[in-house]
């Protein structure tokens, strides 16, 4: 096992009502150990979370899929920008990968993996 291996801990908060997602994420982060990566599945882009992650010494990567009701994924940037500016858009699939700052290089290689 080299330094480029992170153990994924999945946390799906996509069905939870506010403020539970933030609470569950912070609890999971408190239990995270070096060498682990928290993979958060959310239905919204939790912008208030990101400054907290930096403050707590975590590195993170966010992958957002903008889906339409018919489950097609928009990949062109202009369409993404339109949806992103619409704050009420609920049809998001947001995956946030979080690891300790010391594991940032491992997080970068981990992020290249496909997570289904």
PDB file of N, CA and C in Angstrom:
ATOM      1  N   UNK A   1       0.834  -1.190   0.000  1.00  0.00           N
ATOM      2  CA  UNK A   1       0.000   0.000   0.000  1.00  0.00           C
ATOM      3  C   UNK A   1       0.878   1.253   0.000  1.00  0.00           C
ATOM      4  N   UNK A   2       0.775   2.030  -1.073  1.00  0.00           N
ATOM      5  CA  UNK A   2       1.577   3.234  -1.153  1.00  0.00           C
ATOM      6  C   UNK A   2       0.820   4.435  -0.627  1.00  0.00           C
ATOM      7  N   UNK A   3       1.420   5.606  -0.766  1.00  0.00           N
ATOM      8  CA  UNK A   3       0.776   6.813  -0.267  1.00  0.00           C
ATOM      9  C   UNK A   3      -0.336   7.270  -1.196  1.00  0.00           C
ATOM     10  N   UNK A   4      -0.457   6.672  -2.383  1.00  0.00           N
ATOM     11  CA  UNK A   4      -1.499   7.076  -3.312  1.00  0.00           C
ATOM     12  C   UNK A   4      -2.785   6.293  -3.124  1.00  0.00           C
ATOM     13  N   UNK A   5      -2.932   5.635  -2.007  1.00  0.00           N
ATOM     14  CA  UNK A   5      -4.145   4.867  -1.754  1.00  0.00           C
ATOM     15  C   UNK A   5      -4.924   5.520  -0.627  1.00  0.00           C
ATOM     16  N   UNK A   6      -6.180   5.809  -0.899  1.00  0.00           N
ATOM     17  CA  UNK A   6      -7.063   6.335   0.145  1.00  0.00           C
ATOM     18  C   UNK A   6      -8.253   5.404   0.284  1.00  0.00           C
ATOM     19  N   UNK A   7      -8.636   5.130   1.505  1.00  0.00           N
ATOM     20  CA  UNK A   7      -9.815   4.316   1.764  1.00  0.00           C
ATOM     21  C   UNK A   7     -11.039   5.224   1.677  1.00  0.00           C
ATOM     22  N   UNK A   8     -11.972   4.879   0.809  1.00  0.00           N
ATOM     23  CA  UNK A   8     -13.170   5.706   0.624  1.00  0.00           C
ATOM     24  C   UNK A   8     -14.220   5.389   1.679  1.00  0.00           C
ATOM     25  N   UNK A   9     -14.718   6.438   2.304  1.00  0.00           N
ATOM     26  CA  UNK A   9     -15.828   6.330   3.248  1.00  0.00           C
ATOM     27  C   UNK A   9     -16.995   7.067   2.602  1.00  0.00           C
ATOM     28  N   UNK A  10     -18.045   6.349   2.238  1.00  0.00           N
ATOM     29  CA  UNK A  10     -19.185   6.966   1.555  1.00  0.00           C
ATOM     30  C   UNK A  10     -20.167   7.565   2.551  1.00  0.00           C
ATOM     31  N   UNK A  11     -20.685   8.748   2.212  1.00  0.00           N
ATOM     32  CA  UNK A  11     -21.703   9.406   3.027  1.00  0.00           C
ATOM     33  C   UNK A  11     -22.726  10.024   2.086  1.00  0.00           C
ATOM     34  N   UNK A  12     -23.931   9.469   2.079  1.00  0.00           N
ATOM     35  CA  UNK A  12     -24.997   9.980   1.216  1.00  0.00           C
ATOM     36  C   UNK A  12     -25.947  10.832   2.054  1.00  0.00           C
ATOM     37  N   UNK A  13     -25.919  12.150   1.813  1.00  0.00           N
ATOM     38  CA  UNK A  13     -26.802  13.063   2.542  1.00  0.00           C
ATOM     39  C   UNK A  13     -27.855  13.655   1.608  1.00  0.00           C
ATOM     40  N   UNK A  14     -27.997  13.077   0.425  1.00  0.00           N
ATOM     41  CA  UNK A  14     -28.850  13.656  -0.609  1.00  0.00           C
ATOM     42  C   UNK A  14     -30.333  13.658  -0.255  1.00  0.00           C
ATOM     43  N   UNK A  15     -30.758  12.785   0.648  1.00  0.00           N
ATOM     44  CA  UNK A  15     -32.176  12.732   1.008  1.00  0.00           C
ATOM     45  C   UNK A  15     -32.491  13.439   2.326  1.00  0.00           C
ATOM     46  N   UNK A  16     -31.481  13.971   2.985  1.00  0.00           N
ATOM     47  CA  UNK A  16     -31.691  14.574   4.306  1.00  0.00           C
ATOM     48  C   UNK A  16     -32.161  16.024   4.207  1.00  0.00           C
ATOM     49  N   UNK A  17     -33.082  16.439   5.094  1.00  0.00           N
ATOM     50  CA  UNK A  17     -33.503  17.846   5.116  1.00  0.00           C
ATOM     51  C   UNK A  17     -32.454  18.699   5.824  1.00  0.00           C
ATOM     52  N   UNK A  18     -32.364  19.971   5.455  1.00  0.00           N
ATOM     53  CA  UNK A  18     -31.432  20.883   6.124  1.00  0.00           C
ATOM     54  C   UNK A  18     -31.837  21.009   7.594  1.00  0.00           C
ATOM     55  N   UNK A  19     -30.918  21.171   8.523  1.00  0.00           N
ATOM     56  CA  UNK A  19     -29.456  21.292   8.368  1.00  0.00           C
ATOM     57  C   UNK A  19     -28.722  19.960   8.537  1.00  0.00           C
ATOM     58  N   UNK A  20     -29.438  18.840   8.437  1.00  0.00           N
ATOM     59  CA  UNK A  20     -28.820  17.535   8.670  1.00  0.00           C
ATOM     60  C   UNK A  20     -27.605  17.227   7.794  1.00  0.00           C
ATOM     61  N   UNK A  21     -27.624  17.564   6.479  1.00  0.00           N
ATOM     62  CA  UNK A  21     -26.433  17.233   5.677  1.00  0.00           C
ATOM     63  C   UNK A  21     -25.147  17.817   6.264  1.00  0.00           C
ATOM     64  N   UNK A  22     -25.168  19.096   6.646  1.00  0.00           N
ATOM     65  CA  UNK A  22     -23.963  19.727   7.204  1.00  0.00           C
ATOM     66  C   UNK A  22     -23.572  19.034   8.509  1.00  0.00           C
ATOM     67  N   UNK A  23     -24.554  18.743   9.350  1.00  0.00           N
ATOM     68  CA  UNK A  23     -24.282  18.090  10.640  1.00  0.00           C
ATOM     69  C   UNK A  23     -23.649  16.712  10.418  1.00  0.00           C
ATOM     70  N   UNK A  24     -24.223  15.931   9.506  1.00  0.00           N
ATOM     71  CA  UNK A  24     -23.701  14.587   9.236  1.00  0.00           C
ATOM     72  C   UNK A  24     -22.288  14.642   8.636  1.00  0.00           C
ATOM     73  N   UNK A  25     -22.077  15.614   7.750  1.00  0.00           N
ATOM     74  CA  UNK A  25     -20.754  15.772   7.132  1.00  0.00           C
ATOM     75  C   UNK A  25     -19.711  16.115   8.185  1.00  0.00           C
ATOM     76  N   UNK A  26     -20.022  17.056   9.065  1.00  0.00           N
ATOM     77  CA  UNK A  26     -19.062  17.462  10.101  1.00  0.00           C
ATOM     78  C   UNK A  26     -18.777  16.315  11.066  1.00  0.00           C
ATOM     79  N   UNK A  27     -19.791  15.523  11.396  1.00  0.00           N
ATOM     80  CA  UNK A  27     -19.566  14.347  12.255  1.00  0.00           C
ATOM     81  C   UNK A  27     -18.658  13.332  11.556  1.00  0.00           C
ATOM     82  N   UNK A  28     -18.900  13.108  10.273  1.00  0.00           N
ATOM     83  CA  UNK A  28     -18.085  12.152   9.518  1.00  0.00           C
ATOM     84  C   UNK A  28     -16.644  12.646   9.386  1.00  0.00           C
ATOM     85  N   UNK A  29     -16.467  13.954   9.213  1.00  0.00           N
ATOM     86  CA  UNK A  29     -15.114  14.521   9.120  1.00  0.00           C
ATOM     87  C   UNK A  29     -14.366  14.333  10.436  1.00  0.00           C
ATOM     88  N   UNK A  30     -15.074  14.481  11.549  1.00  0.00           N
ATOM     89  CA  UNK A  30     -14.449  14.326  12.862  1.00  0.00           C
ATOM     90  C   UNK A  30     -13.953  12.892  13.065  1.00  0.00           C
ATOM     91  N   UNK A  31     -14.601  11.932  12.408  1.00  0.00           N
ATOM     92  CA  UNK A  31     -14.214  10.527  12.547  1.00  0.00           C
ATOM     93  C   UNK A  31     -13.208  10.083  11.485  1.00  0.00           C
ATOM     94  N   UNK A  32     -12.890  10.972  10.548  1.00  0.00           N
ATOM     95  CA  UNK A  32     -11.985  10.628   9.451  1.00  0.00           C
ATOM     96  C   UNK A  32     -10.547  10.500   9.944  1.00  0.00           C
ATOM     97  N   UNK A  33      -9.849   9.506   9.444  1.00  0.00           N
ATOM     98  CA  UNK A  33      -8.443   9.295   9.795  1.00  0.00           C
ATOM     99  C   UNK A  33      -7.565   9.585   8.584  1.00  0.00           C
ATOM    100  N   UNK A  34      -6.285   9.916   8.822  1.00  0.00           N
ATOM    101  CA  UNK A  34      -5.363  10.072   7.684  1.00  0.00           C
ATOM    102  C   UNK A  34      -5.371   8.780   6.862  1.00  0.00           C
ATOM    103  N   UNK A  35      -5.343   8.942   5.548  1.00  0.00           N
ATOM    104  CA  UNK A  35      -5.394   7.767   4.670  1.00  0.00           C
ATOM    105  C   UNK A  35      -6.812   7.419   4.248  1.00  0.00           C
ATOM    106  N   UNK A  36      -7.775   8.162   4.783  1.00  0.00           N
ATOM    107  CA  UNK A  36      -9.158   7.951   4.384  1.00  0.00           C
ATOM    108  C   UNK A  36      -9.654   9.153   3.587  1.00  0.00           C
ATOM    109  N   UNK A  37     -10.638   8.909   2.748  1.00  0.00           N
ATOM    110  CA  UNK A  37     -11.250   9.969   1.959  1.00  0.00           C
ATOM    111  C   UNK A  37     -12.760   9.875   2.160  1.00  0.00           C
ATOM    112  N   UNK A  38     -13.373  10.971   2.555  1.00  0.00           N
ATOM    113  CA  UNK A  38     -14.827  11.005   2.711  1.00  0.00           C
ATOM    114  C   UNK A  38     -15.429  11.363   1.355  1.00  0.00           C
ATOM    115  N   UNK A  39     -16.295  10.511   0.854  1.00  0.00           N
ATOM    116  CA  UNK A  39     -16.962  10.753  -0.427  1.00  0.00           C
ATOM    117  C   UNK A  39     -18.415  11.080  -0.111  1.00  0.00           C
ATOM    118  N   UNK A  40     -18.772  12.351  -0.297  1.00  0.00           N
ATOM    119  CA  UNK A  40     -20.092  12.853   0.080  1.00  0.00           C
ATOM    120  C   UNK A  40     -20.971  12.950  -1.161  1.00  0.00           C
ATOM    121  N   UNK A  41     -22.161  12.391  -1.063  1.00  0.00           N
ATOM    122  CA  UNK A  41     -23.150  12.479  -2.143  1.00  0.00           C
ATOM    123  C   UNK A  41     -24.255  13.427  -1.676  1.00  0.00           C
ATOM    124  N   UNK A  42     -24.438  14.505  -2.434  1.00  0.00           N
ATOM    125  CA  UNK A  42     -25.353  15.571  -2.025  1.00  0.00           C
ATOM    126  C   UNK A  42     -26.216  15.961  -3.213  1.00  0.00           C
ATOM    127  N   UNK A  43     -27.397  16.519  -2.958  1.00  0.00           N
ATOM    128  CA  UNK A  43     -28.252  16.963  -4.060  1.00  0.00           C
ATOM    129  C   UNK A  43     -28.078  18.453  -4.353  1.00  0.00           C
ATOM    130  N   UNK A  44     -27.332  19.135  -3.488  1.00  0.00           N
ATOM    131  CA  UNK A  44     -27.060  20.556  -3.695  1.00  0.00           C
ATOM    132  C   UNK A  44     -25.557  20.782  -3.571  1.00  0.00           C
ATOM    133  N   UNK A  45     -25.097  21.906  -4.078  1.00  0.00           N
ATOM    134  CA  UNK A  45     -23.697  22.275  -3.934  1.00  0.00           C
ATOM    135  C   UNK A  45     -23.572  23.020  -2.598  1.00  0.00           C
ATOM    136  N   UNK A  46     -23.045  22.370  -1.550  1.00  0.00           N
ATOM    137  CA  UNK A  46     -23.031  22.981  -0.209  1.00  0.00           C
ATOM    138  C   UNK A  46     -21.914  24.002  -0.034  1.00  0.00           C
ATOM    139  N   UNK A  47     -22.087  25.159  -0.664  1.00  0.00           N
ATOM    140  CA  UNK A  47     -21.058  26.204  -0.671  1.00  0.00           C
ATOM    141  C   UNK A  47     -20.577  26.584   0.737  1.00  0.00           C
ATOM    142  N   UNK A  48     -21.453  26.680   1.761  1.00  0.00           N
ATOM    143  CA  UNK A  48     -20.958  27.036   3.103  1.00  0.00           C
ATOM    144  C   UNK A  48     -19.994  26.001   3.692  1.00  0.00           C
ATOM    145  N   UNK A  49     -19.989  24.796   3.159  1.00  0.00           N
ATOM    146  CA  UNK A  49     -19.106  23.743   3.673  1.00  0.00           C
ATOM    147  C   UNK A  49     -17.640  24.002   3.327  1.00  0.00           C
ATOM    148  N   UNK A  50     -17.367  24.555   2.160  1.00  0.00           N
ATOM    149  CA  UNK A  50     -15.993  24.644   1.665  1.00  0.00           C
ATOM    150  C   UNK A  50     -15.048  25.461   2.542  1.00  0.00           C
ATOM    151  N   UNK A  51     -15.455  26.652   3.029  1.00  0.00           N
ATOM    152  CA  UNK A  51     -14.557  27.379   3.942  1.00  0.00           C
ATOM    153  C   UNK A  51     -14.281  26.598   5.231  1.00  0.00           C
ATOM    154  N   UNK A  52     -15.285  25.853   5.709  1.00  0.00           N
ATOM    155  CA  UNK A  52     -15.096  25.040   6.913  1.00  0.00           C
ATOM    156  C   UNK A  52     -14.051  23.951   6.661  1.00  0.00           C
ATOM    157  N   UNK A  53     -14.099  23.348   5.482  1.00  0.00           N
ATOM    158  CA  UNK A  53     -13.128  22.289   5.153  1.00  0.00           C
ATOM    159  C   UNK A  53     -11.706  22.842   5.191  1.00  0.00           C
ATOM    160  N   UNK A  54     -11.515  24.004   4.586  1.00  0.00           N
ATOM    161  CA  UNK A  54     -10.184  24.626   4.559  1.00  0.00           C
ATOM    162  C   UNK A  54      -9.737  24.966   5.979  1.00  0.00           C
ATOM    163  N   UNK A  55     -10.644  25.542   6.744  1.00  0.00           N
ATOM    164  CA  UNK A  55     -10.350  25.923   8.128  1.00  0.00           C
ATOM    165  C   UNK A  55      -9.951  24.698   8.967  1.00  0.00           C
ATOM    166  N   UNK A  56     -10.572  23.553   8.703  1.00  0.00           N
ATOM    167  CA  UNK A  56     -10.291  22.328   9.458  1.00  0.00           C
ATOM    168  C   UNK A  56      -9.083  21.561   8.927  1.00  0.00           C
ATOM    169  N   UNK A  57      -8.470  22.056   7.842  1.00  0.00           N
ATOM    170  CA  UNK A  57      -7.263  21.417   7.322  1.00  0.00           C
ATOM    171  C   UNK A  57      -7.508  20.295   6.334  1.00  0.00           C
ATOM    172  N   UNK A  58      -8.646  20.354   5.634  1.00  0.00           N
ATOM    173  CA  UNK A  58      -8.959  19.335   4.641  1.00  0.00           C
ATOM    174  C   UNK A  58      -8.748  19.857   3.232  1.00  0.00           C
ATOM    175  N   UNK A  59      -8.398  18.958   2.332  1.00  0.00           N
ATOM    176  CA  UNK A  59      -8.377  19.244   0.904  1.00  0.00           C
ATOM    177  C   UNK A  59      -9.630  18.596   0.334  1.00  0.00           C
ATOM    178  N   UNK A  60     -10.177  19.169  -0.738  1.00  0.00           N
ATOM    179  CA  UNK A  60     -11.390  18.585  -1.293  1.00  0.00           C
ATOM    180  C   UNK A  60     -11.455  18.791  -2.797  1.00  0.00           C
ATOM    181  N   UNK A  61     -12.270  17.961  -3.422  1.00  0.00           N
ATOM    182  CA  UNK A  61     -12.549  18.091  -4.842  1.00  0.00           C
ATOM    183  C   UNK A  61     -14.050  17.916  -5.015  1.00  0.00           C
ATOM    184  N   UNK A  62     -14.662  18.752  -5.849  1.00  0.00           N
ATOM    185  CA  UNK A  62     -16.100  18.701  -6.061  1.00  0.00           C
ATOM    186  C   UNK A  62     -16.391  18.344  -7.516  1.00  0.00           C
ATOM    187  N   UNK A  63     -17.241  17.364  -7.706  1.00  0.00           N
ATOM    188  CA  UNK A  63     -17.722  17.014  -9.039  1.00  0.00           C
ATOM    189  C   UNK A  63     -19.225  17.216  -9.042  1.00  0.00           C
ATOM    190  N   UNK A  64     -19.703  18.046  -9.973  1.00  0.00           N
ATOM    191  CA  UNK A  64     -21.130  18.345 -10.040  1.00  0.00           C
ATOM    192  C   UNK A  64     -21.659  17.894 -11.392  1.00  0.00           C
ATOM    193  N   UNK A  65     -22.755  17.159 -11.361  1.00  0.00           N
ATOM    194  CA  UNK A  65     -23.447  16.795 -12.595  1.00  0.00           C
ATOM    195  C   UNK A  65     -24.764  17.537 -12.601  1.00  0.00           C
ATOM    196  N   UNK A  66     -25.010  18.245 -13.689  1.00  0.00           N
ATOM    197  CA  UNK A  66     -26.264  18.975 -13.831  1.00  0.00           C
ATOM    198  C   UNK A  66     -27.183  18.103 -14.664  1.00  0.00           C
ATOM    199  N   UNK A  67     -28.197  17.531 -14.033  1.00  0.00           N
ATOM    200  CA  UNK A  67     -29.082  16.593 -14.719  1.00  0.00           C
ATOM    201  C   UNK A  67     -30.437  17.229 -14.974  1.00  0.00           C
ATOM    202  N   UNK A  68     -31.019  16.860 -16.094  1.00  0.00           N
ATOM    203  CA  UNK A  68     -32.382  17.285 -16.392  1.00  0.00           C
ATOM    204  C   UNK A  68     -33.325  16.206 -15.886  1.00  0.00           C
ATOM    205  N   UNK A  69     -34.608  16.500 -15.889  1.00  0.00           N
ATOM    206  CA  UNK A  69     -35.576  15.535 -15.379  1.00  0.00           C
ATOM    207  C   UNK A  69     -35.561  14.214 -16.139  1.00  0.00           C
ATOM    208  N   UNK A  70     -35.148  14.242 -17.410  1.00  0.00           N
ATOM    209  CA  UNK A  70     -35.119  12.991 -18.164  1.00  0.00           C
ATOM    210  C   UNK A  70     -33.783  12.261 -17.987  1.00  0.00           C
ATOM    211  N   UNK A  71     -33.012  12.649 -16.991  1.00  0.00           N
ATOM    212  CA  UNK A  71     -31.761  11.998 -16.597  1.00  0.00           C
ATOM    213  C   UNK A  71     -30.608  12.171 -17.581  1.00  0.00           C
ATOM    214  N   UNK A  72     -30.727  13.073 -18.535  1.00  0.00           N
ATOM    215  CA  UNK A  72     -29.579  13.331 -19.395  1.00  0.00           C
ATOM    216  C   UNK A  72     -28.670  14.322 -18.688  1.00  0.00           C
ATOM    217  N   UNK A  73     -27.380  14.153 -18.861  1.00  0.00           N
ATOM    218  CA  UNK A  73     -26.415  15.019 -18.191  1.00  0.00           C
ATOM    219  C   UNK A  73     -25.919  16.064 -19.179  1.00  0.00           C
ATOM    220  N   UNK A  74     -25.976  17.304 -18.761  1.00  0.00           N
ATOM    221  CA  UNK A  74     -25.471  18.382 -19.601  1.00  0.00           C
ATOM    222  C   UNK A  74     -23.968  18.481 -19.424  1.00  0.00           C
ATOM    223  N   UNK A  75     -23.256  18.450 -20.524  1.00  0.00           N
ATOM    224  CA  UNK A  75     -21.811  18.518 -20.374  1.00  0.00           C
ATOM    225  C   UNK A  75     -21.248  19.823 -20.908  1.00  0.00           C
ATOM    226  N   UNK A  76     -22.002  20.571 -21.687  1.00  0.00           N
ATOM    227  CA  UNK A  76     -21.397  21.793 -22.213  1.00  0.00           C
ATOM    228  C   UNK A  76     -21.478  22.913 -21.189  1.00  0.00           C
ATOM    229  N   UNK A  77     -20.408  23.695 -21.133  1.00  0.00           N
ATOM    230  CA  UNK A  77     -20.222  24.667 -20.059  1.00  0.00           C
ATOM    231  C   UNK A  77     -21.293  25.747 -20.031  1.00  0.00           C
ATOM    232  N   UNK A  78     -21.791  26.128 -21.205  1.00  0.00           N
ATOM    233  CA  UNK A  78     -22.795  27.181 -21.246  1.00  0.00           C
ATOM    234  C   UNK A  78     -24.074  26.720 -20.543  1.00  0.00           C
ATOM    235  N   UNK A  79     -24.491  25.505 -20.803  1.00  0.00           N
ATOM    236  CA  UNK A  79     -25.691  24.987 -20.145  1.00  0.00           C
ATOM    237  C   UNK A  79     -25.471  24.894 -18.640  1.00  0.00           C
ATOM    238  N   UNK A  80     -24.287  24.454 -18.239  1.00  0.00           N
ATOM    239  CA  UNK A  80     -23.973  24.360 -16.815  1.00  0.00           C
ATOM    240  C   UNK A  80     -24.063  25.723 -16.158  1.00  0.00           C
ATOM    241  N   UNK A  81     -23.569  26.733 -16.847  1.00  0.00           N
ATOM    242  CA  UNK A  81     -23.565  28.080 -16.299  1.00  0.00           C
ATOM    243  C   UNK A  81     -25.000  28.559 -16.082  1.00  0.00           C
ATOM    244  N   UNK A  82     -25.885  28.268 -17.039  1.00  0.00           N
ATOM    245  CA  UNK A  82     -27.283  28.671 -16.898  1.00  0.00           C
ATOM    246  C   UNK A  82     -27.905  28.012 -15.674  1.00  0.00           C
ATOM    247  N   UNK A  83     -27.695  26.715 -15.520  1.00  0.00           N
ATOM    248  CA  UNK A  83     -28.273  26.008 -14.384  1.00  0.00           C
ATOM    249  C   UNK A  83     -27.640  26.458 -13.076  1.00  0.00           C
ATOM    250  N   UNK A  84     -26.334  26.711 -13.122  1.00  0.00           N
ATOM    251  CA  UNK A  84     -25.628  27.111 -11.909  1.00  0.00           C
ATOM    252  C   UNK A  84     -26.168  28.445 -11.399  1.00  0.00           C
ATOM    253  N   UNK A  85     -26.527  29.345 -12.315  1.00  0.00           N
ATOM    254  CA  UNK A  85     -27.012  30.648 -11.888  1.00  0.00           C
ATOM    255  C   UNK A  85     -28.445  30.557 -11.356  1.00  0.00           C
ATOM    256  N   UNK A  86     -29.113  29.461 -11.618  1.00  0.00           N
ATOM    257  CA  UNK A  86     -30.462  29.248 -11.104  1.00  0.00           C
ATOM    258  C   UNK A  86     -30.366  28.575  -9.743  1.00  0.00           C
ATOM    259  N   UNK A  87     -30.413  29.373  -8.686  1.00  0.00           N
ATOM    260  CA  UNK A  87     -30.209  28.849  -7.344  1.00  0.00           C
ATOM    261  C   UNK A  87     -31.237  27.841  -6.898  1.00  0.00           C
ATOM    262  N   UNK A  88     -32.386  27.772  -7.585  1.00  0.00           N
ATOM    263  CA  UNK A  88     -33.436  26.864  -7.148  1.00  0.00           C
ATOM    264  C   UNK A  88     -33.338  25.492  -7.805  1.00  0.00           C
ATOM    265  N   UNK A  89     -32.336  25.285  -8.639  1.00  0.00           N
ATOM    266  CA  UNK A  89     -32.205  23.999  -9.337  1.00  0.00           C
ATOM    267  C   UNK A  89     -31.952  22.876  -8.333  1.00  0.00           C
ATOM    268  N   UNK A  90     -32.837  21.899  -8.302  1.00  0.00           N
ATOM    269  CA  UNK A  90     -32.716  20.792  -7.350  1.00  0.00           C
ATOM    270  C   UNK A  90     -32.096  19.560  -7.979  1.00  0.00           C
ATOM    271  N   UNK A  91     -32.029  19.516  -9.312  1.00  0.00           N
ATOM    272  CA  UNK A  91     -31.606  18.297  -9.992  1.00  0.00           C
ATOM    273  C   UNK A  91     -30.092  18.209 -10.130  1.00  0.00           C
ATOM    274  N   UNK A  92     -29.412  18.214  -8.990  1.00  0.00           N
ATOM    275  CA  UNK A  92     -27.959  18.133  -9.013  1.00  0.00           C
ATOM    276  C   UNK A  92     -27.513  16.806  -8.418  1.00  0.00           C
ATOM    277  N   UNK A  93     -26.416  16.330  -8.926  1.00  0.00           N
ATOM    278  CA  UNK A  93     -25.736  15.201  -8.299  1.00  0.00           C
ATOM    279  C   UNK A  93     -24.343  15.718  -7.973  1.00  0.00           C
ATOM    280  N   UNK A  94     -24.109  16.001  -6.700  1.00  0.00           N
ATOM    281  CA  UNK A  94     -22.846  16.584  -6.275  1.00  0.00           C
ATOM    282  C   UNK A  94     -22.058  15.527  -5.503  1.00  0.00           C
ATOM    283  N   UNK A  95     -20.821  15.293  -5.930  1.00  0.00           N
ATOM    284  CA  UNK A  95     -19.947  14.355  -5.230  1.00  0.00           C
ATOM    285  C   UNK A  95     -18.746  15.152  -4.740  1.00  0.00           C
ATOM    286  N   UNK A  96     -18.524  15.139  -3.430  1.00  0.00           N
ATOM    287  CA  UNK A  96     -17.416  15.879  -2.832  1.00  0.00           C
ATOM    288  C   UNK A  96     -16.475  14.873  -2.203  1.00  0.00           C
ATOM    289  N   UNK A  97     -15.216  14.922  -2.608  1.00  0.00           N
ATOM    290  CA  UNK A  97     -14.209  14.027  -2.044  1.00  0.00           C
ATOM    291  C   UNK A  97     -13.334  14.854  -1.115  1.00  0.00           C
ATOM    292  N   UNK A  98     -13.252  14.441   0.140  1.00  0.00           N
ATOM    293  CA  UNK A  98     -12.528  15.205   1.156  1.00  0.00           C
ATOM    294  C   UNK A  98     -11.469  14.324   1.799  1.00  0.00           C
ATOM    295  N   UNK A  99     -10.266  14.861   1.938  1.00  0.00           N
ATOM    296  CA  UNK A  99      -9.196  14.144   2.629  1.00  0.00           C
ATOM    297  C   UNK A  99      -8.371  15.155   3.414  1.00  0.00           C
ATOM    298  N   UNK A 100      -7.565  14.660   4.325  1.00  0.00           N
ATOM    299  CA  UNK A 100      -6.673  15.545   5.069  1.00  0.00           C
ATOM    300  C   UNK A 100      -5.713  16.240   4.109  1.00  0.00           C
ATOM    301  N   UNK A 101      -5.343  17.464   4.445  1.00  0.00           N
ATOM    302  CA  UNK A 101      -4.439  18.245   3.603  1.00  0.00           C
ATOM    303  C   UNK A 101      -3.151  17.473   3.311  1.00  0.00           C
ATOM    304  N   UNK A 102      -2.684  16.687   4.285  1.00  0.00           N
ATOM    305  CA  UNK A 102      -1.455  15.913   4.084  1.00  0.00           C
ATOM    306  C   UNK A 102      -1.646  14.811   3.044  1.00  0.00           C
ATOM    307  N   UNK A 103      -2.903  14.444   2.776  1.00  0.00           N
ATOM    308  CA  UNK A 103      -3.201  13.416   1.774  1.00  0.00           C
ATOM    309  C   UNK A 103      -3.630  14.021   0.445  1.00  0.00           C
ATOM    310  N   UNK A 104      -3.340  15.300   0.248  1.00  0.00           N
ATOM    311  CA  UNK A 104      -3.833  16.006  -0.941  1.00  0.00           C
ATOM    312  C   UNK A 104      -3.362  15.360  -2.245  1.00  0.00           C
ATOM    313  N   UNK A 105      -2.111  14.914  -2.301  1.00  0.00           N
ATOM    314  CA  UNK A 105      -1.629  14.278  -3.534  1.00  0.00           C
ATOM    315  C   UNK A 105      -2.351  12.958  -3.780  1.00  0.00           C
ATOM    316  N   UNK A 106      -2.655  12.230  -2.713  1.00  0.00           N
ATOM    317  CA  UNK A 106      -3.413  10.991  -2.857  1.00  0.00           C
ATOM    318  C   UNK A 106      -4.848  11.302  -3.283  1.00  0.00           C
ATOM    319  N   UNK A 107      -5.394  12.400  -2.777  1.00  0.00           N
ATOM    320  CA  UNK A 107      -6.748  12.795  -3.161  1.00  0.00           C
ATOM    321  C   UNK A 107      -6.807  13.115  -4.650  1.00  0.00           C
ATOM    322  N   UNK A 108      -5.772  13.763  -5.166  1.00  0.00           N
ATOM    323  CA  UNK A 108      -5.739  14.096  -6.585  1.00  0.00           C
ATOM    324  C   UNK A 108      -5.790  12.828  -7.445  1.00  0.00           C
ATOM    325  N   UNK A 109      -5.017  11.813  -7.071  1.00  0.00           N
ATOM    326  CA  UNK A 109      -5.034  10.577  -7.857  1.00  0.00           C
ATOM    327  C   UNK A 109      -6.330   9.802  -7.607  1.00  0.00           C
ATOM    328  N   UNK A 110      -6.852   9.881  -6.391  1.00  0.00           N
ATOM    329  CA  UNK A 110      -8.108   9.206  -6.041  1.00  0.00           C
ATOM    330  C   UNK A 110      -9.257   9.813  -6.850  1.00  0.00           C
ATOM    331  N   UNK A 111      -9.215  11.130  -7.041  1.00  0.00           N
ATOM    332  CA  UNK A 111     -10.285  11.829  -7.753  1.00  0.00           C
ATOM    333  C   UNK A 111     -10.382  11.416  -9.209  1.00  0.00           C
ATOM    334  N   UNK A 112      -9.285  10.907  -9.766  1.00  0.00           N
ATOM    335  CA  UNK A 112      -9.302  10.497 -11.165  1.00  0.00           C
ATOM    336  C   UNK A 112     -10.037   9.174 -11.342  1.00  0.00           C
ATOM    337  N   UNK A 113     -10.232   8.429 -10.258  1.00  0.00           N
ATOM    338  CA  UNK A 113     -10.946   7.168 -10.332  1.00  0.00           C
ATOM    339  C   UNK A 113     -12.428   7.418 -10.532  1.00  0.00           C
ATOM    340  N   UNK A 114     -13.076   6.503 -11.215  1.00  0.00           N
ATOM    341  CA  UNK A 114     -14.523   6.590 -11.374  1.00  0.00           C
ATOM    342  C   UNK A 114     -15.196   6.026 -10.146  1.00  0.00           C
ATOM    343  N   UNK A 115     -16.124   6.754  -9.587  1.00  0.00           N
ATOM    344  CA  UNK A 115     -16.901   6.264  -8.461  1.00  0.00           C
ATOM    345  C   UNK A 115     -18.344   6.117  -8.925  1.00  0.00           C
ATOM    346  N   UNK A 116     -18.854   4.916  -8.862  1.00  0.00           N
ATOM    347  CA  UNK A 116     -20.231   4.701  -9.336  1.00  0.00           C
ATOM    348  C   UNK A 116     -21.161   4.539  -8.153  1.00  0.00           C
TER     349      UNK A 116
END
